[in-house]
Amino acid sequence: MAGVAAGQAGFAVMHLTQSDTVDPVATPVSSYAVTWPGVLLFPASVLSLALACAILAGRGVGLAREGCIRFLLGATAVMLVGAAVFRTGTPESGLTWWAQVHRYTAGAAFVMLTVVAALCAVRMKDADVPEWVRRGTWWVTALAASTFLTTTVNTFLPAFLDGGDWRGAGQRVLLVVLSALVWMLIANSARVGVRTAEPVRVPALPATGPAVAATNAEAGVPAFAGARS
C-alpha cells in the first residue's frame, strides 16, 4: 500500500510543480523525467509502483489458481524497473536506444497489468471477493484496454485524428486506472490474509481424572462405561 501511495504522490507532485514546463495533454508522462524535480521523482515513483507489483507477485492477490497472475505481476515489476532506469529521450537527443527501451518496457508493463485485470475479472466472477472489487476489475479492464489502444494509436500514428496533440491525456488516464487496479488487488490480498490468519478455535476436551470423577459423584452425575479415571 505504501508503494502505490508513494508512486501516486510522486506523480501528483510532478504534475503540480512542472505544470509550466510539461503539457499534461500533449506530452507523455515520461517527459517529467527530464526536468527538475521529475529527474528524481519520476524514477522513484515508478520504482514504488514496481515494488508494490513485486510484493503482490510474491504474496498473491487472494485468488485460487493465480500462478499466471503472479507471474505477470512479477514481469510487470521488472518492466517498470526498466522504464525507471532508462530515461526517455529529449527533443535534442531524439529517439535514442535508451529511450526505445523506456518506451517498450513501459508499454509492456501497461499491457501486462491490463491482462492481469482481465484475468482477475474472470477469476473473481465466482470467487468470494467483495462486490466492489469484482465490479472494479471489470471497469479497469474495459477502461485500460480502450485507453491503451487509443494511446498506442496516438503514439505511432500521431496524425490520425490529431492524436499526437493529446496523447498525454490518455497516458495519464491509463496510469490512474492501473494504479486503481493495484489498490484493489492489494485490498483483496490483505482481506484474504487477515481471514486466513484468524486463529482456529478447537473445542476443549472434557476433563478426566480422579478429582473430576469424585466431583461428578458428589453431584450425582453417572459415570459412563469405559471412562478413564
Foldseek 3Di string as FASTA:
>chain_A
DVLLVLLVVLLVVLCVPCVVPAPLFQHASLVSCVDPPNVPSVLSSLLSQLVLLLVCLVLPLQFPPCPVLSVLSNLLSVLSNLLSVQGADDPVRPGDPSNVSNVVSVLSSLVSLLVSLVVCLVRCPPDPDDPCLNVLSVVLNVLSVVLSVLLVCCVVVCVVVVSSRGSSNSNVSSVVSSSVNSVSSVVSSVVSVVVVPDDDDDDDDDDDDDVVVVVCVVVVNDDDPPGDD
